[in-house]
Amino acid sequence: MWLVLSVCFVTFTAILGITEILRRFWLFLMRPKGTPPAIMVINLKEEFAVQQLRYALEFLSWEKKGDFSSVAVISTELSEKTYNEIKKIANSRNDVIFCEDLN
């Protein structure tokens, strides 16, 4: 029983690892050579703005540094409390660009 479960677990994780390697290789082939790193742009929504920013920063930390260099945050129609939280996070990190007004 345990042998079957452990073999299934190892097989499953091996398949996930192989697909991640293939994804990285495919993206390496498709990326134009010599281009600068991209900037991830997120448009914050009031209900879950802080979670969106935390997710983007976590995604940025897991991705290769050559893929994304920073996160650009667009905030429109945020409450004062949420705006201050986002501004505090943006000021504490050097890889967050805070766009306050697009007009």
Protein backbone atom coordinates (compact mmCIF):
# COMPACT_ATOMS: atom_id res chain seq x y z
CA MET A 1 0.00 0.00 0.00
CA TRP A 2 2.69 2.48 1.04
CA LEU A 3 4.85 1.44 -1.87
CA VAL A 4 2.05 2.18 -4.34
CA LEU A 5 1.36 5.59 -2.74
CA SER A 6 5.03 6.55 -2.72
CA VAL A 7 5.50 5.50 -6.35
CA CYS A 8 2.41 7.51 -7.35
CA PHE A 9 3.69 10.53 -5.43
CA VAL A 10 7.16 10.34 -7.00
CA THR A 11 5.68 9.88 -10.47
CA PHE A 12 3.34 12.83 -10.01
CA THR A 13 6.10 15.16 -8.78
CA ALA A 14 8.41 14.01 -11.57
CA ILE A 15 5.76 14.85 -14.17
CA LEU A 16 5.28 18.29 -12.62
CA GLY A 17 9.04 18.87 -12.66
CA ILE A 18 9.38 17.83 -16.29
CA THR A 19 6.51 20.08 -17.37
CA GLU A 20 8.11 23.02 -15.53
CA ILE A 21 11.43 22.37 -17.29
CA LEU A 22 9.65 22.18 -20.66
CA ARG A 23 7.76 25.42 -19.93
CA ARG A 24 10.99 27.24 -19.03
CA PHE A 25 12.70 25.92 -22.16
CA TRP A 26 9.78 26.96 -24.38
CA LEU A 27 9.73 30.46 -22.89
CA PHE A 28 13.51 30.68 -23.37
CA LEU A 29 13.08 29.86 -27.06
CA MET A 30 10.18 32.29 -27.58
CA ARG A 31 11.67 35.30 -25.77
CA PRO A 32 13.33 37.80 -28.11
CA LYS A 33 17.02 37.88 -27.32
CA GLY A 34 18.47 41.10 -25.94
CA THR A 35 15.17 42.54 -24.74
CA PRO A 36 15.00 44.17 -21.33
CA PRO A 37 13.01 42.50 -18.55
CA ALA A 38 9.28 43.10 -18.65
CA ILE A 39 7.27 45.07 -16.11
CA MET A 40 4.18 43.42 -14.67
CA VAL A 41 1.25 45.87 -14.60
CA ILE A 42 -1.61 45.29 -12.19
CA ASN A 43 -4.79 47.32 -11.87
CA LEU A 44 -5.88 47.17 -8.25
CA LYS A 45 -9.47 46.56 -7.20
CA GLU A 46 -10.71 47.90 -3.88
CA GLU A 47 -11.89 44.59 -2.42
CA PHE A 48 -8.56 42.79 -2.64
CA ALA A 49 -5.90 45.35 -3.58
CA VAL A 50 -3.37 44.34 -0.95
CA GLN A 51 -3.73 40.66 -1.84
CA GLN A 52 -3.23 41.48 -5.54
CA LEU A 53 -0.02 43.33 -4.78
CA ARG A 54 1.27 40.60 -2.47
CA TYR A 55 0.51 37.97 -5.10
CA ALA A 56 2.35 39.97 -7.78
CA LEU A 57 5.38 40.44 -5.53
CA GLU A 58 5.45 36.75 -4.64
CA PHE A 59 5.16 35.84 -8.33
CA LEU A 60 8.02 38.24 -9.07
CA SER A 61 10.20 36.61 -6.41
CA TRP A 62 9.65 33.14 -7.89
CA GLU A 63 10.21 34.10 -11.49
CA LYS A 64 13.64 34.43 -13.01
CA LYS A 65 15.05 37.95 -12.57
CA GLY A 66 15.47 38.30 -16.34
CA ASP A 67 11.75 37.79 -16.99
CA PHE A 68 10.23 40.55 -14.83
CA SER A 69 12.08 43.44 -13.28
CA SER A 70 9.32 45.19 -11.35
CA VAL A 71 5.61 45.59 -10.72
CA ALA A 72 3.71 48.68 -11.86
CA VAL A 73 0.69 49.33 -9.67
CA ILE A 74 -2.24 51.32 -11.04
CA SER A 75 -4.60 52.53 -8.36
CA THR A 76 -7.91 54.08 -9.27
CA GLU A 77 -10.85 54.59 -6.94
CA LEU A 78 -9.23 53.15 -3.83
CA SER A 79 -10.31 54.09 -0.34
CA GLU A 80 -7.92 56.15 1.76
CA LYS A 81 -7.08 53.19 4.02
CA THR A 82 -6.30 50.85 1.11
CA TYR A 83 -4.40 53.59 -0.70
CA ASN A 84 -2.18 54.15 2.36
CA GLU A 85 -1.50 50.40 2.72
CA ILE A 86 -0.52 50.09 -0.94
CA LYS A 87 1.60 53.25 -0.79
CA LYS A 88 3.39 51.90 2.31
CA ILE A 89 4.21 48.62 0.56
CA ALA A 90 5.29 50.45 -2.61
CA ASN A 91 7.59 52.78 -0.66
CA SER A 92 9.21 49.92 1.25
CA ARG A 93 10.30 48.07 -1.90
CA ASN A 94 12.44 49.18 -4.79
CA ASP A 95 10.76 46.93 -7.37
CA VAL A 96 7.28 48.48 -7.13
CA ILE A 97 6.29 51.43 -9.33
CA PHE A 98 3.23 53.24 -8.00
CA CYS A 99 1.10 55.05 -10.61
CA GLU A 100 -1.29 57.31 -8.72
CA ASP A 101 -3.25 59.02 -11.50
CA LEU A 102 -3.50 58.22 -15.19
CA ASN A 103 -5.48 61.30 -16.21
